[in-house]
C-alpha atoms as a PDB file:
ATOM      1  CA  MET A   1     109.675 101.280 109.471  1.00  0.00           C
ATOM      2  CA  GLN A   2     107.980 101.274 109.193  1.00  0.00           C
ATOM      3  CA  GLU A   3     110.361 103.895 109.459  1.00  0.00           C
ATOM      4  CA  THR A   4     112.261 101.589 111.745  1.00  0.00           C
ATOM      5  CA  ILE A   5     111.574  98.222 110.191  1.00  0.00           C
ATOM      6  CA  GLU A   6     113.856  95.733 108.521  1.00  0.00           C
ATOM      7  CA  ARG A   7     112.190  96.000 105.147  1.00  0.00           C
ATOM      8  CA  ASP A   8     112.645  92.363 104.213  1.00  0.00           C
ATOM      9  CA  THR A   9     109.250  92.100 102.527  1.00  0.00           C
ATOM     10  CA  HIS A  10     110.553  94.016  99.537  1.00  0.00           C
ATOM     11  CA  PRO A  11     110.823  92.232  96.214  1.00  0.00           C
ATOM     12  CA  SER A  12     114.341  91.924  94.939  1.00  0.00           C
ATOM     13  CA  THR A  13     115.893  95.055  93.461  1.00  0.00           C
ATOM     14  CA  SER A  14     118.970  93.177  92.267  1.00  0.00           C
ATOM     15  CA  LYS A  15     118.202  94.122  88.653  1.00  0.00           C
ATOM     16  CA  VAL A  16     118.204  97.836  89.544  1.00  0.00           C
ATOM     17  CA  THR A  17     121.688  99.270  89.161  1.00  0.00           C
ATOM     18  CA  THR A  18     121.141 103.048  89.239  1.00  0.00           C
ATOM     19  CA  GLN A  19     120.865 104.757  92.604  1.00  0.00           C
ATOM     20  CA  LEU A  20     117.495 106.445  92.988  1.00  0.00           C
ATOM     21  CA  LYS A  21     119.025 109.895  93.358  1.00  0.00           C
ATOM     22  CA  ASP A  22     120.836 109.425  90.034  1.00  0.00           C
ATOM     23  CA  ILE A  23     117.847 108.388  87.902  1.00  0.00           C
ATOM     24  CA  GLU A  24     117.463 110.410  84.713  1.00  0.00           C
ATOM     25  CA  LYS A  25     113.740 110.723  84.133  1.00  0.00           C
ATOM     26  CA  THR A  26     112.209 109.200  80.998  1.00  0.00           C
ATOM     27  CA  LEU A  27     108.566 109.294  82.154  1.00  0.00           C
ATOM     28  CA  PRO A  28     106.777 112.588  82.822  1.00  0.00           C
ATOM     29  CA  LEU A  29     106.126 113.383  86.479  1.00  0.00           C
ATOM     30  CA  ARG A  30     102.598 112.389  87.516  1.00  0.00           C
ATOM     31  CA  VAL A  31     102.366 113.545  91.128  1.00  0.00           C
ATOM     32  CA  LEU A  32     105.671 115.113  92.130  1.00  0.00           C
ATOM     33  CA  SER A  33     106.511 118.615  91.013  1.00  0.00           C
ATOM     34  CA  GLU A  34     109.925 119.456  89.620  1.00  0.00           C
ATOM     35  CA  GLU A  35     110.725 121.039  92.989  1.00  0.00           C
ATOM     36  CA  ASP A  36     109.630 117.834  94.731  1.00  0.00           C
ATOM     37  CA  TRP A  37     111.903 115.796  92.463  1.00  0.00           C
ATOM     38  CA  GLN A  38     114.897 117.988  93.208  1.00  0.00           C
ATOM     39  CA  HIS A  39     114.238 117.748  96.951  1.00  0.00           C
ATOM     40  CA  TRP A  40     113.901 113.951  96.672  1.00  0.00           C
ATOM     41  CA  THR A  41     117.209 113.483  94.859  1.00  0.00           C
ATOM     42  CA  ALA A  42     119.116 115.906  97.105  1.00  0.00           C
ATOM     43  CA  LYS A  43     117.604 115.313 100.559  1.00  0.00           C
ATOM     44  CA  GLY A  44     116.478 111.690 100.258  1.00  0.00           C
ATOM     45  CA  TYR A  45     112.792 112.191 101.058  1.00  0.00           C
ATOM     46  CA  VAL A  46     109.661 113.853  99.730  1.00  0.00           C
ATOM     47  CA  ILE A  47     106.136 114.443 101.060  1.00  0.00           C
ATOM     48  CA  VAL A  48     103.105 113.831  98.841  1.00  0.00           C
ATOM     49  CA  ARG A  49     100.279 115.908 100.273  1.00  0.00           C
ATOM     50  CA  ASN A  50      96.735 114.489 100.291  1.00  0.00           C
ATOM     51  CA  ALA A  51      97.936 111.154  98.925  1.00  0.00           C
ATOM     52  CA  ALA A  52      94.961 109.240 100.337  1.00  0.00           C
ATOM     53  CA  PRO A  53      91.322 110.403 100.546  1.00  0.00           C
ATOM     54  CA  GLN A  54      90.174 111.464 104.015  1.00  0.00           C
ATOM     55  CA  ALA A  55      87.397 108.864 103.921  1.00  0.00           C
ATOM     56  CA  ASN A  56      90.044 106.140 103.557  1.00  0.00           C
ATOM     57  CA  VAL A  57      92.046 107.617 106.411  1.00  0.00           C
ATOM     58  CA  GLU A  58      89.115 107.885 108.807  1.00  0.00           C
ATOM     59  CA  ARG A  59      87.846 104.356 108.337  1.00  0.00           C
ATOM     60  CA  LEU A  60      91.365 102.933 108.711  1.00  0.00           C
ATOM     61  CA  VAL A  61      91.835 104.924 111.927  1.00  0.00           C
ATOM     62  CA  ASP A  62      88.615 103.416 113.308  1.00  0.00           C
ATOM     63  CA  LEU A  63      89.734  99.934 112.255  1.00  0.00           C
ATOM     64  CA  LEU A  64      93.131 100.244 113.960  1.00  0.00           C
ATOM     65  CA  TRP A  65      91.536 101.235 117.271  1.00  0.00           C
ATOM     66  CA  ARG A  66      89.290  98.162 117.058  1.00  0.00           C
ATOM     67  CA  PHE A  67      92.162  95.917 115.988  1.00  0.00           C
ATOM     68  CA  ASP A  68      94.286  97.026 118.935  1.00  0.00           C
ATOM     69  CA  GLU A  69      91.358  96.721 121.369  1.00  0.00           C
ATOM     70  CA  LYS A  70      91.735 100.305 122.543  1.00  0.00           C
ATOM     71  CA  ASP A  71      89.154 103.037 123.065  1.00  0.00           C
ATOM     72  CA  PRO A  72      90.048 106.378 121.438  1.00  0.00           C
ATOM     73  CA  ALA A  73      87.903 108.159 124.049  1.00  0.00           C
ATOM     74  CA  ASN A  74      89.573 106.447 127.019  1.00  0.00           C
ATOM     75  CA  PRO A  75      93.340 107.089 127.347  1.00  0.00           C
ATOM     76  CA  ALA A  76      93.476 104.541 130.170  1.00  0.00           C
ATOM     77  CA  THR A  77      93.230 101.825 127.486  1.00  0.00           C
ATOM     78  CA  TRP A  78      96.067 103.188 125.352  1.00  0.00           C
ATOM     79  CA  HIS A  79      99.024 101.602 127.157  1.00  0.00           C
ATOM     80  CA  ALA A  80      98.214  97.915 127.111  1.00  0.00           C
ATOM     81  CA  PRO A  81     101.352  95.743 126.829  1.00  0.00           C
ATOM     82  CA  GLN A  82     102.413  94.760 123.307  1.00  0.00           C
ATOM     83  CA  ARG A  83     101.373  91.232 122.402  1.00  0.00           C
ATOM     84  CA  ARG A  84     104.770  89.980 121.181  1.00  0.00           C
ATOM     85  CA  GLU A  85     108.362  91.093 121.568  1.00  0.00           C
ATOM     86  CA  HIS A  86     110.285  92.328 118.532  1.00  0.00           C
ATOM     87  CA  LYS A  87     113.618  90.792 117.597  1.00  0.00           C
ATOM     88  CA  MET A  88     114.637  94.300 116.539  1.00  0.00           C
ATOM     89  CA  THR A  89     114.482  95.519 120.132  1.00  0.00           C
ATOM     90  CA  GLU A  90     114.239  99.228 119.305  1.00  0.00           C
ATOM     91  CA  LEU A  91     110.777  98.487 117.886  1.00  0.00           C
ATOM     92  CA  ASN A  92     109.471  97.334 121.258  1.00  0.00           C
ATOM     93  CA  ASN A  93     106.760  99.638 122.610  1.00  0.00           C
ATOM     94  CA  THR A  94     106.740 101.801 119.480  1.00  0.00           C
ATOM     95  CA  GLY A  95     103.127 100.970 118.617  1.00  0.00           C
ATOM     96  CA  MET A  96     103.613  98.538 115.738  1.00  0.00           C
ATOM     97  CA  LEU A  97     100.318  96.874 114.770  1.00  0.00           C
ATOM     98  CA  GLU A  98     100.551  93.415 113.244  1.00  0.00           C
ATOM     99  CA  ILE A  99      97.827  93.945 110.655  1.00  0.00           C
ATOM    100  CA  TYR A 100      98.772  93.417 107.010  1.00  0.00           C
ATOM    101  CA  ASN A 101      95.998  92.450 104.619  1.00  0.00           C
ATOM    102  CA  HIS A 102      92.748  94.131 105.586  1.00  0.00           C
ATOM    103  CA  GLN A 103      90.688  95.702 102.818  1.00  0.00           C
ATOM    104  CA  TYR A 104      91.281  99.195 104.225  1.00  0.00           C
ATOM    105  CA  LEU A 105      95.053  98.744 104.000  1.00  0.00           C
ATOM    106  CA  TRP A 106      94.740  97.528 100.447  1.00  0.00           C
ATOM    107  CA  ASP A 107      92.450 100.422  99.513  1.00  0.00           C
ATOM    108  CA  ASN A 108      95.296 102.837 100.236  1.00  0.00           C
ATOM    109  CA  ARG A 109      97.862 100.635  98.488  1.00  0.00           C
ATOM    110  CA  MET A 110      95.669 100.704  95.380  1.00  0.00           C
ATOM    111  CA  GLU A 111      95.038 104.463  95.509  1.00  0.00           C
ATOM    112  CA  PRO A 112      96.156 105.778  92.076  1.00  0.00           C
ATOM    113  CA  ARG A 113      97.793 108.902  93.513  1.00  0.00           C
ATOM    114  CA  ILE A 114      99.982 106.774  95.790  1.00  0.00           C
ATOM    115  CA  TYR A 115     100.899 104.404  92.957  1.00  0.00           C
ATOM    116  CA  ASP A 116     101.676 107.321  90.635  1.00  0.00           C
ATOM    117  CA  ALA A 117     103.984 108.860  93.247  1.00  0.00           C
ATOM    118  CA  PHE A 118     106.066 105.676  93.292  1.00  0.00           C
ATOM    119  CA  VAL A 119     106.038 105.590  89.480  1.00  0.00           C
ATOM    120  CA  ASP A 120     107.632 109.032  89.661  1.00  0.00           C
ATOM    121  CA  ILE A 121     110.238 107.804  92.153  1.00  0.00           C
ATOM    122  CA  TRP A 122     111.244 104.666  90.237  1.00  0.00           C
ATOM    123  CA  ASP A 123     110.606 106.054  86.725  1.00  0.00           C
ATOM    124  CA  ARG A 124     108.788 102.847  85.829  1.00  0.00           C
ATOM    125  CA  GLU A 125     105.238 101.503  85.997  1.00  0.00           C
ATOM    126  CA  ASP A 126     105.815  97.801  86.765  1.00  0.00           C
ATOM    127  CA  LEU A 127     105.801  97.882  90.562  1.00  0.00           C
ATOM    128  CA  TRP A 128     104.862  95.603  93.462  1.00  0.00           C
ATOM    129  CA  VAL A 129     103.537  97.040  96.700  1.00  0.00           C
ATOM    130  CA  THR A 130     105.100  95.888  99.961  1.00  0.00           C
ATOM    131  CA  ILE A 131     102.856  93.936 102.333  1.00  0.00           C
ATOM    132  CA  ASP A 132     103.457  95.939 105.472  1.00  0.00           C
ATOM    133  CA  ARG A 133     101.720  96.938 108.684  1.00  0.00           C
ATOM    134  CA  ALA A 134     100.471  99.966 110.627  1.00  0.00           C
ATOM    135  CA  ASN A 135     101.285 101.924 113.771  1.00  0.00           C
ATOM    136  CA  LEU A 136      99.396 103.346 116.746  1.00  0.00           C
ATOM    137  CA  ASN A 137     101.769 105.153 119.076  1.00  0.00           C
ATOM    138  CA  PRO A 138     100.257 106.746 122.216  1.00  0.00           C
ATOM    139  CA  PRO A 139     101.989 109.312 124.443  1.00  0.00           C
ATOM    140  CA  ARG A 140     104.700 107.840 126.643  1.00  0.00           C
ATOM    141  CA  LYS A 141     106.759 109.120 129.507  1.00  0.00           C
ATOM    142  CA  THR A 142     110.351 109.869 128.559  1.00  0.00           C
ATOM    143  CA  ARG A 143     112.462 106.720 128.758  1.00  0.00           C
ATOM    144  CA  GLY A 144     115.966 106.180 127.511  1.00  0.00           C
ATOM    145  CA  ASN A 145     116.865 108.704 124.823  1.00  0.00           C
ATOM    146  CA  PRO A 146     114.187 111.446 124.841  1.00  0.00           C
ATOM    147  CA  ASN A 147     115.184 112.343 121.270  1.00  0.00           C
ATOM    148  CA  GLY A 148     114.501 108.878 119.895  1.00  0.00           C
ATOM    149  CA  PHE A 149     117.010 107.199 117.617  1.00  0.00           C
ATOM    150  CA  ILE A 150     118.616 107.454 114.182  1.00  0.00           C
ATOM    151  CA  HIS A 151     119.664 104.478 112.069  1.00  0.00           C
ATOM    152  CA  TRP A 152     119.787 103.069 108.560  1.00  0.00           C
ATOM    153  CA  ASP A 153     117.706 100.095 107.445  1.00  0.00           C
ATOM    154  CA  ALA A 154     120.293  99.341 104.749  1.00  0.00           C
ATOM    155  CA  ASP A 155     123.863  98.212 105.402  1.00  0.00           C
ATOM    156  CA  THR A 156     125.909 101.236 104.311  1.00  0.00           C
ATOM    157  CA  SER A 157     129.155  99.245 104.257  1.00  0.00           C
ATOM    158  CA  LEU A 158     128.050  97.308 101.171  1.00  0.00           C
ATOM    159  CA  ARG A 159     129.396  98.217  97.737  1.00  0.00           C
ATOM    160  CA  PRO A 160     127.588  98.933  95.601  1.00  0.00           C
ATOM    161  CA  LEU A 161     125.257 100.592  98.099  1.00  0.00           C
ATOM    162  CA  PRO A 162     121.799  99.004  98.438  1.00  0.00           C
ATOM    163  CA  ILE A 163     118.916 100.503  96.477  1.00  0.00           C
ATOM    164  CA  GLY A 164     115.492 100.829  98.043  1.00  0.00           C
ATOM    165  CA  VAL A 165     112.658 103.113  99.043  1.00  0.00           C
ATOM    166  CA  GLN A 166     110.183 103.208 101.924  1.00  0.00           C
ATOM    167  CA  GLY A 167     106.947 105.038 102.645  1.00  0.00           C
ATOM    168  CA  VAL A 168     104.768 106.170 105.557  1.00  0.00           C
ATOM    169  CA  LEU A 169     101.154 107.274 105.160  1.00  0.00           C
ATOM    170  CA  SER A 170     100.204 109.548 108.056  1.00  0.00           C
ATOM    171  CA  LEU A 171      96.750 108.868 109.542  1.00  0.00           C
ATOM    172  CA  LYS A 172      96.896 111.606 112.191  1.00  0.00           C
ATOM    173  CA  LYS A 173      98.582 114.987 112.241  1.00  0.00           C
ATOM    174  CA  GLN A 174     102.279 114.466 112.959  1.00  0.00           C
ATOM    175  CA  ASP A 175     104.172 117.357 114.550  1.00  0.00           C
ATOM    176  CA  GLY A 176     106.797 118.095 117.180  1.00  0.00           C
ATOM    177  CA  ASP A 177     104.589 117.054 120.108  1.00  0.00           C
ATOM    178  CA  VAL A 178     103.263 113.760 118.796  1.00  0.00           C
ATOM    179  CA  GLY A 179     106.622 112.571 117.523  1.00  0.00           C
ATOM    180  CA  GLY A 180     107.224 110.472 114.437  1.00  0.00           C
ATOM    181  CA  PHE A 181     109.630 110.455 111.540  1.00  0.00           C
ATOM    182  CA  GLN A 182     112.962 112.224 111.885  1.00  0.00           C
ATOM    183  CA  CYS A 183     115.968 112.132 109.557  1.00  0.00           C
ATOM    184  CA  VAL A 184     119.385 113.574 108.736  1.00  0.00           C
ATOM    185  CA  PRO A 185     119.165 114.910 105.146  1.00  0.00           C
ATOM    186  CA  GLU A 186     122.613 116.510 105.149  1.00  0.00           C
ATOM    187  CA  LEU A 187     124.154 113.087 105.823  1.00  0.00           C
ATOM    188  CA  PHE A 188     122.321 111.696 102.791  1.00  0.00           C
ATOM    189  CA  GLU A 189     123.401 114.640 100.674  1.00  0.00           C
ATOM    190  CA  ASN A 190     127.058 114.464 101.713  1.00  0.00           C
ATOM    191  CA  PHE A 191     127.417 110.750 102.432  1.00  0.00           C
ATOM    192  CA  ASP A 192     130.487 110.124 100.258  1.00  0.00           C
ATOM    193  CA  GLU A 193     132.473 112.902 101.930  1.00  0.00           C
ATOM    194  CA  TRP A 194     131.187 112.026 105.415  1.00  0.00           C
ATOM    195  CA  VAL A 195     132.323 108.401 105.084  1.00  0.00           C
ATOM    196  CA  LYS A 196     135.893 109.562 104.479  1.00  0.00           C
ATOM    197  CA  THR A 197     135.898 111.179 107.930  1.00  0.00           C
ATOM    198  CA  GLN A 198     134.733 108.025 109.727  1.00  0.00           C
ATOM    199  CA  PRO A 199     136.824 105.181 111.183  1.00  0.00           C
ATOM    200  CA  GLU A 200     137.089 101.972 109.170  1.00  0.00           C
ATOM    201  CA  ASP A 201     135.189 100.041 111.831  1.00  0.00           C
ATOM    202  CA  ARG A 202     132.228 102.465 111.929  1.00  0.00           C
ATOM    203  CA  ASP A 203     128.767 101.024 112.601  1.00  0.00           C
ATOM    204  CA  PRO A 204     127.177 100.683 109.123  1.00  0.00           C
ATOM    205  CA  MET A 205     123.657 100.724 110.596  1.00  0.00           C
ATOM    206  CA  HIS A 206     123.944 103.546 113.168  1.00  0.00           C
ATOM    207  CA  PRO A 207     125.748 106.737 112.093  1.00  0.00           C
ATOM    208  CA  ASP A 208     127.630 109.101 114.351  1.00  0.00           C
ATOM    209  CA  ILE A 209     125.553 112.254 113.820  1.00  0.00           C
ATOM    210  CA  THR A 210     127.708 114.570 115.926  1.00  0.00           C
ATOM    211  CA  GLY A 211     127.456 118.051 114.440  1.00  0.00           C
ATOM    212  CA  LEU A 212     124.621 117.100 112.067  1.00  0.00           C
ATOM    213  CA  ASP A 213     121.091 118.455 112.189  1.00  0.00           C
ATOM    214  CA  VAL A 214     118.151 116.106 112.778  1.00  0.00           C
ATOM    215  CA  VAL A 215     115.026 117.206 110.894  1.00  0.00           C
ATOM    216  CA  ASN A 216     111.597 116.499 112.361  1.00  0.00           C
ATOM    217  CA  VAL A 217     109.141 115.985 109.506  1.00  0.00           C
ATOM    218  CA  GLU A 218     105.588 117.274 109.991  1.00  0.00           C
ATOM    219  CA  MET A 219     102.638 115.767 108.109  1.00  0.00           C
ATOM    220  CA  ASP A 220      98.865 115.986 108.061  1.00  0.00           C
ATOM    221  CA  ALA A 221      96.503 113.031 107.929  1.00  0.00           C
ATOM    222  CA  GLY A 222      96.549 111.615 104.399  1.00  0.00           C
ATOM    223  CA  ASP A 223     100.069 112.795 103.562  1.00  0.00           C
ATOM    224  CA  LEU A 224     102.575 110.240 102.273  1.00  0.00           C
ATOM    225  CA  LEU A 225     106.268 110.430 103.137  1.00  0.00           C
ATOM    226  CA  ILE A 226     108.575 108.562 100.730  1.00  0.00           C
ATOM    227  CA  PHE A 227     112.218 108.183 101.717  1.00  0.00           C
ATOM    228  CA  ASN A 228     115.361 106.610 100.312  1.00  0.00           C
ATOM    229  CA  SER A 229     116.630 103.591 102.251  1.00  0.00           C
ATOM    230  CA  LEU A 230     120.037 105.313 102.443  1.00  0.00           C
ATOM    231  CA  LEU A 231     118.537 108.208 104.409  1.00  0.00           C
ATOM    232  CA  ALA A 232     119.511 107.951 108.095  1.00  0.00           C
ATOM    233  CA  HIS A 233     116.213 108.155 109.956  1.00  0.00           C
ATOM    234  CA  GLY A 234     114.306 107.073 113.018  1.00  0.00           C
ATOM    235  CA  VAL A 235     111.397 107.836 115.309  1.00  0.00           C
ATOM    236  CA  ARG A 236     111.156 110.477 118.002  1.00  0.00           C
ATOM    237  CA  PRO A 237     108.911 109.677 120.979  1.00  0.00           C
ATOM    238  CA  ASN A 238     105.361 110.914 121.421  1.00  0.00           C
ATOM    239  CA  HIS A 239     105.625 113.544 124.169  1.00  0.00           C
ATOM    240  CA  SER A 240     102.080 114.894 123.827  1.00  0.00           C
ATOM    241  CA  THR A 241      99.599 114.563 126.663  1.00  0.00           C
ATOM    242  CA  ASP A 242      96.512 113.253 124.884  1.00  0.00           C
ATOM    243  CA  ARG A 243      97.278 112.542 121.211  1.00  0.00           C
ATOM    244  CA  VAL A 244      98.275 109.418 119.335  1.00  0.00           C
ATOM    245  CA  ARG A 245     100.425 109.008 116.263  1.00  0.00           C
ATOM    246  CA  MET A 246      98.949 106.686 113.629  1.00  0.00           C
ATOM    247  CA  ALA A 247     100.387 105.590 110.304  1.00  0.00           C
ATOM    248  CA  GLN A 248     100.287 102.942 107.596  1.00  0.00           C
ATOM    249  CA  TYR A 249     103.525 101.797 106.002  1.00  0.00           C
ATOM    250  CA  VAL A 250     103.193 101.819 102.205  1.00  0.00           C
ATOM    251  CA  SER A 251     106.008 101.335  99.730  1.00  0.00           C
ATOM    252  CA  MET A 252     106.572  99.979  96.234  1.00  0.00           C
ATOM    253  CA  GLN A 253     109.481  98.300  94.478  1.00  0.00           C
ATOM    254  CA  PRO A 254     110.118  97.051  90.936  1.00  0.00           C
ATOM    255  CA  ALA A 255     108.042  93.949  90.236  1.00  0.00           C
ATOM    256  CA  ASP A 256     109.973  90.684  90.086  1.00  0.00           C
ATOM    257  CA  TRP A 257     107.612  88.396  88.180  1.00  0.00           C
ATOM    258  CA  ASP A 258     110.326  85.786  87.561  1.00  0.00           C
ATOM    259  CA  ASN A 259     110.770  85.241  91.306  1.00  0.00           C
ATOM    260  CA  GLU A 260     108.034  82.629  91.509  1.00  0.00           C
ATOM    261  CA  ALA A 261     108.591  81.773  95.173  1.00  0.00           C
ATOM    262  CA  GLU A 262     108.292  85.403  96.232  1.00  0.00           C
ATOM    263  CA  ARG A 263     105.260  85.973  94.034  1.00  0.00           C
ATOM    264  CA  ARG A 264     103.421  82.925  95.394  1.00  0.00           C
ATOM    265  CA  GLU A 265     104.204  83.911  98.973  1.00  0.00           C
ATOM    266  CA  ARG A 266     102.814  87.404  98.407  1.00  0.00           C
ATOM    267  CA  ILE A 267      99.604  85.928  97.028  1.00  0.00           C
ATOM    268  CA  ARG A 268      99.353  83.524  99.950  1.00  0.00           C
ATOM    269  CA  LEU A 269      99.717  86.327 102.496  1.00  0.00           C
ATOM    270  CA  TRP A 270      96.913  88.259 100.802  1.00  0.00           C
ATOM    271  CA  ARG A 271      94.609  85.283 100.339  1.00  0.00           C
ATOM    272  CA  GLU A 272      95.121  83.762 103.824  1.00  0.00           C
ATOM    273  CA  ARG A 273      95.362  87.110 105.646  1.00  0.00           C
ATOM    274  CA  ASP A 274      98.699  86.104 107.120  1.00  0.00           C
ATOM    275  CA  HIS A 275     101.820  88.001 108.207  1.00  0.00           C
ATOM    276  CA  PRO A 276     105.224  87.759 106.489  1.00  0.00           C
ATOM    277  CA  ARG A 277     107.237  84.891 107.955  1.00  0.00           C
ATOM    278  CA  ARG A 278     110.330  86.956 108.658  1.00  0.00           C
ATOM    279  CA  ASP A 279     112.091  88.175 111.762  1.00  0.00           C
ATOM    280  CA  ALA A 280     111.012  91.791 111.403  1.00  0.00           C
ATOM    281  CA  PHE A 281     107.322  90.872 111.665  1.00  0.00           C
ATOM    282  CA  PRO A 282     106.306  88.855 114.764  1.00  0.00           C
ATOM    283  CA  GLY A 283     102.665  88.597 113.728  1.00  0.00           C
ATOM    284  CA  ASP A 284      99.477  88.834 115.767  1.00  0.00           C
ATOM    285  CA  PRO A 285      99.076  85.950 118.271  1.00  0.00           C
ATOM    286  CA  ARG A 286      95.280  86.415 118.140  1.00  0.00           C
ATOM    287  CA  GLU A 287      95.240  86.020 114.312  1.00  0.00           C
ATOM    288  CA  TRP A 288      92.674  88.814 114.315  1.00  0.00           C
ATOM    289  CA  GLU A 289      92.612  89.221 110.536  1.00  0.00           C
ATOM    290  CA  LYS A 290      91.881  85.546 109.952  1.00  0.00           C
ATOM    291  CA  HIS A 291      88.871  85.717 112.271  1.00  0.00           C
ATOM    292  CA  ASN A 292      87.545  89.207 111.569  1.00  0.00           C
ATOM    293  CA  ALA A 293      88.261  90.023 107.922  1.00  0.00           C
ATOM    294  CA  GLU A 294      87.789  88.628 104.444  1.00  0.00           C
ATOM    295  CA  THR A 295      90.366  88.431 101.680  1.00  0.00           C
ATOM    296  CA  ALA A 296      90.658  91.948 100.273  1.00  0.00           C
ATOM    297  CA  ARG A 297      89.022  92.676  96.928  1.00  0.00           C
ATOM    298  CA  LEU A 298      91.567  93.944  94.436  1.00  0.00           C
ATOM    299  CA  THR A 299      91.161  96.378  91.597  1.00  0.00           C
ATOM    300  CA  PRO A 300      92.975  95.676  88.308  1.00  0.00           C
ATOM    301  CA  LEU A 301      95.768  97.910  89.609  1.00  0.00           C
ATOM    302  CA  GLY A 302      95.818  95.982  92.892  1.00  0.00           C
ATOM    303  CA  GLU A 303      96.107  92.656  91.075  1.00  0.00           C
ATOM    304  CA  ARG A 304      99.262  93.897  89.389  1.00  0.00           C
ATOM    305  CA  LEU A 305     100.665  95.489  92.531  1.00  0.00           C
ATOM    306  CA  LEU A 306     100.277  92.155  94.341  1.00  0.00           C
ATOM    307  CA  GLY A 307     101.693  90.003  91.533  1.00  0.00           C
ATOM    308  CA  LEU A 308      98.452  88.186  90.738  1.00  0.00           C
ATOM    309  CA  VAL A 309      98.526  89.553  87.167  1.00  0.00           C
ATOM    310  CA  PRO A 310     101.669  90.452  85.183  1.00  0.00           C
ATOM    311  CA  TRP A 311     102.267  94.054  84.192  1.00  0.00           C
ATOM    312  CA  ASN A 312     102.818  93.135  80.562  1.00  0.00           C
END
């Protein structure tokens, strides 16, 4: 996810019963326009422009180069082998950075404009932010499918369908050359009718997109892409000659204060600068954050987004 990640760090959404596209707004829109809201409910994604201040973006970019032990001025350093294999094999060599709790990551998570955008999406204020990672994807020679891949992170065979949302904060300009997020909005929009045309044993995680258009989403540094977990999506390769793609994965879900085990684990990850102990996140074998960072300082909003303080 990370557009391609198993988003198993999300708090439970079992108490949410209305699909996101079917929400009837009760709170006034804070960040999204009415046009944005209509695009979100119909197409399954929306872009929040200038979601994070450029100062935040620039210092995080510098941090990620240092974390990954690469020199932005020396492309010869950009293709060092990844430090651990991913159990989700399609994530291998896609530039995932196993950094989760640094202050600069938290600064963007606590940015009011980003929080307010997710308030618009969920139509509620009591949210927890996902503890997720970042990405630094250098140019690569074409291997395998030059168009990248398309999949769902949610199992689309389940009924009722899963409910969830994901987000990507762009740290560098993302366009057709540098690759990045791609999706199939018409499949999201017409999913119920499309399913009727598919065989009973269809792959619920990888759609047959024959005849459907894949949309390449362009973003500038500081833009936030929010997308519905039921939107078929993926990553197209970086085919540029001298540019990297960089992003931070930021999402929010309804807070689940009564889930004490989940809440305590979230606090532990923040306090100990650790990675989620789940298959989707292999962690950093160097434990760089433990040795090179301090526990992030949280604002009052951050304390609630983590689960340190209740929303009520």
